[in-house]
Amino acid sequence: MNSNITYVVTDIEADGRVAGLNSMLCLASVACDSTGRELSSFEANLRPLPGAVQNPDTMRWWATEPEAWAYCQQNQRDPAEVMKEYAAWLDSLPGEKLFVAHPSWFDFMWVFWYLMTFVGERKFKLNPLDLLTYAHATTGWDFQAAHRRNWPDDWFGGHLHSHRAIDDARGYAAALARLLAMNAKLVRQHAVIPPK
């Protein structure tokens, strides 16, 4: 574990699959230290982008989650305002910021696009950490079996996966803490990086 890293465990909700064409509706991040202890959190609901459209398949899925949909419609704010606040929040965190999500490719795409569009600055210098991949590598489970659906309930620290972004981010942060602890106990045969 690297004590100079702040893990920014993030979950977003959107009305489609493509940033810019569709809109990010909810953004939540939980900042954790190398032990998984929460340092700070950020949550906001965003107004849809002007001219963006809703993806029909995504909206059919949202129809099955009416409580989560109602939650992300509350207190919607201007995306530019939210992202500037988010960037300032990231800047306030100690050390290098490491983006963590499940799946990282999806959530990171949205956050990166919104930061570059509304702030014009890349805030995450490190490659994002995908929790499924980390669970696979730490536990030795088959890659597809390492999906969150198969994780033990106690990994989520009592946080239900409700599709409220802050609930999901806190659940993933609890799982990250569990995985960091498991990873620290693994026997390392090649722990020292050889010189080039």
C-alpha atoms as a PDB file:
ATOM      1  CA  MET A   1       0.000   0.000   0.000  1.00  0.00           C
ATOM      2  CA  ASN A   2       1.163   3.496  -0.819  1.00  0.00           C
ATOM      3  CA  SER A   3       0.523   6.019   1.959  1.00  0.00           C
ATOM      4  CA  ASN A   4       1.020   8.902  -0.503  1.00  0.00           C
ATOM      5  CA  ILE A   5      -2.092   7.944  -2.458  1.00  0.00           C
ATOM      6  CA  THR A   6      -5.641   9.105  -1.806  1.00  0.00           C
ATOM      7  CA  TYR A   7      -8.134   6.647  -3.276  1.00  0.00           C
ATOM      8  CA  VAL A   8     -11.058   8.533  -4.842  1.00  0.00           C
ATOM      9  CA  VAL A   9     -13.779   5.883  -4.960  1.00  0.00           C
ATOM     10  CA  THR A  10     -16.408   7.109  -7.375  1.00  0.00           C
ATOM     11  CA  ASP A  11     -19.822   6.232  -8.717  1.00  0.00           C
ATOM     12  CA  ILE A  12     -21.793   8.127 -11.353  1.00  0.00           C
ATOM     13  CA  GLU A  13     -25.286   7.786 -12.738  1.00  0.00           C
ATOM     14  CA  ALA A  14     -26.191   8.857 -16.264  1.00  0.00           C
ATOM     15  CA  ASP A  15     -29.055   8.819 -18.761  1.00  0.00           C
ATOM     16  CA  GLY A  16     -26.988   7.058 -21.407  1.00  0.00           C
ATOM     17  CA  ARG A  17     -23.660   5.512 -22.297  1.00  0.00           C
ATOM     18  CA  VAL A  18     -21.694   8.282 -24.024  1.00  0.00           C
ATOM     19  CA  ALA A  19     -20.510  11.455 -22.303  1.00  0.00           C
ATOM     20  CA  GLY A  20     -21.540  14.541 -24.250  1.00  0.00           C
ATOM     21  CA  LEU A  21     -24.159  12.746 -26.307  1.00  0.00           C
ATOM     22  CA  ASN A  22     -25.860  11.796 -23.035  1.00  0.00           C
ATOM     23  CA  SER A  23     -25.663  13.405 -19.591  1.00  0.00           C
ATOM     24  CA  MET A  24     -24.158  12.545 -16.221  1.00  0.00           C
ATOM     25  CA  LEU A  25     -26.899  13.021 -13.633  1.00  0.00           C
ATOM     26  CA  CYS A  26     -25.151  12.123 -10.371  1.00  0.00           C
ATOM     27  CA  LEU A  27     -21.534  12.247  -9.233  1.00  0.00           C
ATOM     28  CA  ALA A  28     -20.309  10.949  -5.896  1.00  0.00           C
ATOM     29  CA  SER A  29     -16.777  10.287  -4.660  1.00  0.00           C
ATOM     30  CA  VAL A  30     -15.451   9.053  -1.332  1.00  0.00           C
ATOM     31  CA  ALA A  31     -11.798   9.842  -0.598  1.00  0.00           C
ATOM     32  CA  CYS A  32      -9.967   7.162   1.403  1.00  0.00           C
ATOM     33  CA  ASP A  33      -6.464   6.695   2.739  1.00  0.00           C
ATOM     34  CA  SER A  34      -4.353   3.567   2.277  1.00  0.00           C
ATOM     35  CA  THR A  35      -6.240   1.783   5.088  1.00  0.00           C
ATOM     36  CA  GLY A  36      -9.613   2.520   3.485  1.00  0.00           C
ATOM     37  CA  ARG A  37     -10.528   5.140   6.108  1.00  0.00           C
ATOM     38  CA  GLU A  38     -12.828   7.829   4.706  1.00  0.00           C
ATOM     39  CA  LEU A  39     -11.204  11.265   4.589  1.00  0.00           C
ATOM     40  CA  SER A  40     -13.886  13.253   2.802  1.00  0.00           C
ATOM     41  CA  SER A  41     -16.752  12.913   0.338  1.00  0.00           C
ATOM     42  CA  PHE A  42     -18.378  14.778  -2.530  1.00  0.00           C
ATOM     43  CA  GLU A  43     -21.885  14.421  -3.932  1.00  0.00           C
ATOM     44  CA  ALA A  44     -23.897  16.394  -6.480  1.00  0.00           C
ATOM     45  CA  ASN A  45     -26.768  15.958  -8.912  1.00  0.00           C
ATOM     46  CA  LEU A  46     -26.282  17.627 -12.293  1.00  0.00           C
ATOM     47  CA  ARG A  47     -28.679  19.127 -14.792  1.00  0.00           C
ATOM     48  CA  PRO A  48     -28.717  17.418 -18.207  1.00  0.00           C
ATOM     49  CA  LEU A  49     -26.443  18.927 -20.856  1.00  0.00           C
ATOM     50  CA  PRO A  50     -28.057  21.317 -23.344  1.00  0.00           C
ATOM     51  CA  GLY A  51     -28.753  19.448 -26.575  1.00  0.00           C
ATOM     52  CA  ALA A  52     -27.960  16.021 -25.091  1.00  0.00           C
ATOM     53  CA  VAL A  53     -30.364  13.116 -25.478  1.00  0.00           C
ATOM     54  CA  GLN A  54     -31.436  10.219 -23.297  1.00  0.00           C
ATOM     55  CA  ASN A  55     -30.497   6.701 -24.357  1.00  0.00           C
ATOM     56  CA  PRO A  56     -33.698   4.604 -24.684  1.00  0.00           C
ATOM     57  CA  ASP A  57     -32.118   1.430 -23.256  1.00  0.00           C
ATOM     58  CA  THR A  58     -30.750   3.320 -20.274  1.00  0.00           C
ATOM     59  CA  MET A  59     -34.122   4.950 -19.650  1.00  0.00           C
ATOM     60  CA  ARG A  60     -35.840   1.558 -19.737  1.00  0.00           C
ATOM     61  CA  TRP A  61     -33.398   0.473 -17.015  1.00  0.00           C
ATOM     62  CA  TRP A  62     -34.134   3.632 -15.015  1.00  0.00           C
ATOM     63  CA  ALA A  63     -37.836   2.726 -15.140  1.00  0.00           C
ATOM     64  CA  THR A  64     -36.965  -0.285 -12.965  1.00  0.00           C
ATOM     65  CA  GLU A  65     -35.269   1.977 -10.360  1.00  0.00           C
ATOM     66  CA  PRO A  66     -37.883   4.681  -9.623  1.00  0.00           C
ATOM     67  CA  GLU A  67     -36.525   5.646  -6.191  1.00  0.00           C
ATOM     68  CA  ALA A  68     -32.980   6.114  -7.474  1.00  0.00           C
ATOM     69  CA  TRP A  69     -34.295   8.067 -10.477  1.00  0.00           C
ATOM     70  CA  ALA A  70     -36.324  10.366  -8.218  1.00  0.00           C
ATOM     71  CA  TYR A  71     -33.260  10.927  -6.025  1.00  0.00           C
ATOM     72  CA  CYS A  72     -31.030  11.984  -8.914  1.00  0.00           C
ATOM     73  CA  GLN A  73     -33.675  14.445 -10.122  1.00  0.00           C
ATOM     74  CA  GLN A  74     -33.478  16.411  -6.866  1.00  0.00           C
ATOM     75  CA  ASN A  75     -31.362  19.546  -6.420  1.00  0.00           C
ATOM     76  CA  GLN A  76     -29.891  19.371  -9.923  1.00  0.00           C
ATOM     77  CA  ARG A  77     -27.159  21.935 -10.459  1.00  0.00           C
ATOM     78  CA  ASP A  78     -25.286  23.470 -13.365  1.00  0.00           C
ATOM     79  CA  PRO A  79     -22.618  20.990 -14.558  1.00  0.00           C
ATOM     80  CA  ALA A  80     -19.940  23.687 -14.891  1.00  0.00           C
ATOM     81  CA  GLU A  81     -20.497  24.810 -11.306  1.00  0.00           C
ATOM     82  CA  VAL A  82     -20.447  21.242 -10.000  1.00  0.00           C
ATOM     83  CA  MET A  83     -17.272  20.289 -11.831  1.00  0.00           C
ATOM     84  CA  LYS A  84     -15.404  23.378 -10.666  1.00  0.00           C
ATOM     85  CA  GLU A  85     -16.363  22.516  -7.087  1.00  0.00           C
ATOM     86  CA  TYR A  86     -15.343  18.908  -7.675  1.00  0.00           C
ATOM     87  CA  ALA A  87     -11.959  19.985  -9.060  1.00  0.00           C
ATOM     88  CA  ALA A  88     -11.371  22.195  -6.004  1.00  0.00           C
ATOM     89  CA  TRP A  89     -12.377  19.312  -3.729  1.00  0.00           C
ATOM     90  CA  LEU A  90      -9.893  17.013  -5.483  1.00  0.00           C
ATOM     91  CA  ASP A  91      -7.179  19.653  -5.092  1.00  0.00           C
ATOM     92  CA  SER A  92      -7.845  19.747  -1.341  1.00  0.00           C
ATOM     93  CA  LEU A  93      -7.085  16.044  -0.930  1.00  0.00           C
ATOM     94  CA  PRO A  94      -3.597  14.952   0.156  1.00  0.00           C
ATOM     95  CA  GLY A  95      -1.104  13.108  -2.046  1.00  0.00           C
ATOM     96  CA  GLU A  96      -1.660  11.644  -5.487  1.00  0.00           C
ATOM     97  CA  LYS A  97      -5.296  11.028  -6.363  1.00  0.00           C
ATOM     98  CA  LEU A  98      -6.168   7.550  -7.664  1.00  0.00           C
ATOM     99  CA  PHE A  99      -9.597   7.146  -9.286  1.00  0.00           C
ATOM    100  CA  VAL A 100     -11.328   3.904  -8.229  1.00  0.00           C
ATOM    101  CA  ALA A 101     -14.612   2.540  -9.606  1.00  0.00           C
ATOM    102  CA  HIS A 102     -16.516  -0.574 -10.679  1.00  0.00           C
ATOM    103  CA  PRO A 103     -16.248  -0.546 -13.627  1.00  0.00           C
ATOM    104  CA  SER A 104     -13.547   2.095 -13.893  1.00  0.00           C
ATOM    105  CA  TRP A 105     -13.769   2.402 -17.706  1.00  0.00           C
ATOM    106  CA  PHE A 106     -17.363   3.647 -17.481  1.00  0.00           C
ATOM    107  CA  ASP A 107     -17.242   6.005 -14.507  1.00  0.00           C
ATOM    108  CA  PHE A 108     -13.826   7.430 -15.401  1.00  0.00           C
ATOM    109  CA  MET A 109     -14.932   8.222 -18.953  1.00  0.00           C
ATOM    110  CA  TRP A 110     -17.730  10.418 -17.620  1.00  0.00           C
ATOM    111  CA  VAL A 111     -15.680  12.182 -14.957  1.00  0.00           C
ATOM    112  CA  PHE A 112     -12.759  12.786 -17.334  1.00  0.00           C
ATOM    113  CA  TRP A 113     -15.030  14.212 -20.051  1.00  0.00           C
ATOM    114  CA  TYR A 114     -16.844  16.510 -17.627  1.00  0.00           C
ATOM    115  CA  LEU A 115     -13.609  17.724 -16.022  1.00  0.00           C
ATOM    116  CA  MET A 116     -11.988  18.460 -19.367  1.00  0.00           C
ATOM    117  CA  THR A 117     -15.134  20.126 -20.729  1.00  0.00           C
ATOM    118  CA  PHE A 118     -15.952  22.331 -17.740  1.00  0.00           C
ATOM    119  CA  VAL A 119     -12.594  22.727 -15.959  1.00  0.00           C
ATOM    120  CA  GLY A 120     -10.138  22.144 -18.784  1.00  0.00           C
ATOM    121  CA  GLU A 121      -7.715  20.267 -16.587  1.00  0.00           C
ATOM    122  CA  ARG A 122      -6.819  16.639 -16.010  1.00  0.00           C
ATOM    123  CA  LYS A 123      -7.058  16.027 -12.263  1.00  0.00           C
ATOM    124  CA  PHE A 124      -6.145  12.322 -12.137  1.00  0.00           C
ATOM    125  CA  LYS A 125      -2.552  11.668 -13.218  1.00  0.00           C
ATOM    126  CA  LEU A 126      -2.571   7.957 -12.319  1.00  0.00           C
ATOM    127  CA  ASN A 127      -4.347   5.281 -14.321  1.00  0.00           C
ATOM    128  CA  PRO A 128      -7.739   4.440 -12.769  1.00  0.00           C
ATOM    129  CA  LEU A 129      -8.068   1.358 -10.587  1.00  0.00           C
ATOM    130  CA  ASP A 130     -10.842  -1.045 -11.584  1.00  0.00           C
ATOM    131  CA  LEU A 131     -12.296  -2.783  -8.531  1.00  0.00           C
ATOM    132  CA  LEU A 132     -13.316  -5.914 -10.419  1.00  0.00           C
ATOM    133  CA  THR A 133      -9.753  -6.333 -11.711  1.00  0.00           C
ATOM    134  CA  TYR A 134      -8.326  -5.635  -8.249  1.00  0.00           C
ATOM    135  CA  ALA A 135     -10.672  -8.192  -6.677  1.00  0.00           C
ATOM    136  CA  HIS A 136      -9.665 -10.745  -9.336  1.00  0.00           C
ATOM    137  CA  ALA A 137      -5.946 -10.161  -8.752  1.00  0.00           C
ATOM    138  CA  THR A 138      -6.213 -10.126  -4.955  1.00  0.00           C
ATOM    139  CA  THR A 139      -8.504 -13.108  -4.428  1.00  0.00           C
ATOM    140  CA  GLY A 140      -7.441 -15.290  -7.356  1.00  0.00           C
ATOM    141  CA  TRP A 141     -11.092 -15.711  -8.355  1.00  0.00           C
ATOM    142  CA  ASP A 142     -11.938 -16.131 -12.028  1.00  0.00           C
ATOM    143  CA  PHE A 143     -12.135 -12.691 -13.639  1.00  0.00           C
ATOM    144  CA  GLN A 144     -15.848 -12.793 -14.425  1.00  0.00           C
ATOM    145  CA  ALA A 145     -16.621 -14.331 -11.033  1.00  0.00           C
ATOM    146  CA  ALA A 146     -14.917 -11.349  -9.366  1.00  0.00           C
ATOM    147  CA  HIS A 147     -17.856  -9.079 -10.283  1.00  0.00           C
ATOM    148  CA  ARG A 148     -19.455  -7.207  -7.365  1.00  0.00           C
ATOM    149  CA  ARG A 149     -22.595  -9.356  -7.663  1.00  0.00           C
ATOM    150  CA  ASN A 150     -20.556 -12.228  -6.204  1.00  0.00           C
ATOM    151  CA  TRP A 151     -18.802 -10.337  -3.414  1.00  0.00           C
ATOM    152  CA  PRO A 152     -19.707 -11.221   0.175  1.00  0.00           C
ATOM    153  CA  ASP A 153     -22.313  -8.846   1.620  1.00  0.00           C
ATOM    154  CA  ASP A 154     -20.029  -7.759   4.444  1.00  0.00           C
ATOM    155  CA  TRP A 155     -17.542  -6.309   1.938  1.00  0.00           C
ATOM    156  CA  PHE A 156     -19.915  -3.375   1.387  1.00  0.00           C
ATOM    157  CA  GLY A 157     -19.844  -2.244   4.996  1.00  0.00           C
ATOM    158  CA  GLY A 158     -23.619  -2.186   5.310  1.00  0.00           C
ATOM    159  CA  HIS A 159     -24.098   0.145   2.326  1.00  0.00           C
ATOM    160  CA  LEU A 160     -26.818  -1.083  -0.011  1.00  0.00           C
ATOM    161  CA  HIS A 161     -26.194  -0.866  -3.760  1.00  0.00           C
ATOM    162  CA  SER A 162     -29.154   1.463  -4.285  1.00  0.00           C
ATOM    163  CA  HIS A 163     -27.993   3.297  -7.446  1.00  0.00           C
ATOM    164  CA  ARG A 164     -27.853   6.442  -5.380  1.00  0.00           C
ATOM    165  CA  ALA A 165     -24.326   7.387  -6.327  1.00  0.00           C
ATOM    166  CA  ILE A 166     -23.137   8.223  -2.799  1.00  0.00           C
ATOM    167  CA  ASP A 167     -24.486   4.928  -1.399  1.00  0.00           C
ATOM    168  CA  ASP A 168     -22.747   2.952  -4.120  1.00  0.00           C
ATOM    169  CA  ALA A 169     -19.488   4.888  -3.733  1.00  0.00           C
ATOM    170  CA  ARG A 170     -19.454   4.214   0.023  1.00  0.00           C
ATOM    171  CA  GLY A 171     -20.119   0.530  -0.579  1.00  0.00           C
ATOM    172  CA  TYR A 172     -17.255   0.359  -3.053  1.00  0.00           C
ATOM    173  CA  ALA A 173     -15.010   2.250  -0.627  1.00  0.00           C
ATOM    174  CA  ALA A 174     -15.741  -0.388   2.031  1.00  0.00           C
ATOM    175  CA  ALA A 175     -14.922  -3.131  -0.493  1.00  0.00           C
ATOM    176  CA  LEU A 176     -11.695  -1.349  -1.408  1.00  0.00           C
ATOM    177  CA  ALA A 177     -10.703  -1.246   2.275  1.00  0.00           C
ATOM    178  CA  ARG A 178     -11.292  -5.012   2.495  1.00  0.00           C
ATOM    179  CA  LEU A 179      -9.258  -5.659  -0.645  1.00  0.00           C
ATOM    180  CA  LEU A 180      -6.401  -3.401   0.475  1.00  0.00           C
ATOM    181  CA  ALA A 181      -6.193  -5.335   3.749  1.00  0.00           C
ATOM    182  CA  MET A 182      -6.265  -8.678   1.922  1.00  0.00           C
ATOM    183  CA  ASN A 183      -3.654  -7.508  -0.552  1.00  0.00           C
ATOM    184  CA  ALA A 184      -1.307  -6.395   2.234  1.00  0.00           C
ATOM    185  CA  LYS A 185      -1.279  -9.948   3.619  1.00  0.00           C
ATOM    186  CA  LEU A 186      -0.343 -11.644   0.367  1.00  0.00           C
ATOM    187  CA  VAL A 187       3.092 -13.258   0.190  1.00  0.00           C
ATOM    188  CA  ARG A 188       5.238 -11.421  -2.352  1.00  0.00           C
ATOM    189  CA  GLN A 189       7.802 -13.493  -4.209  1.00  0.00           C
ATOM    190  CA  HIS A 190       8.983 -10.577  -6.335  1.00  0.00           C
ATOM    191  CA  ALA A 191       8.212  -7.563  -4.176  1.00  0.00           C
ATOM    192  CA  VAL A 192      11.340  -5.624  -5.136  1.00  0.00           C
ATOM    193  CA  ILE A 193      11.281  -3.996  -8.562  1.00  0.00           C
ATOM    194  CA  PRO A 194      14.516  -5.049 -10.322  1.00  0.00           C
ATOM    195  CA  PRO A 195      16.782  -2.317 -11.704  1.00  0.00           C
ATOM    196  CA  LYS A 196      16.721  -1.754 -15.468  1.00  0.00           C
END
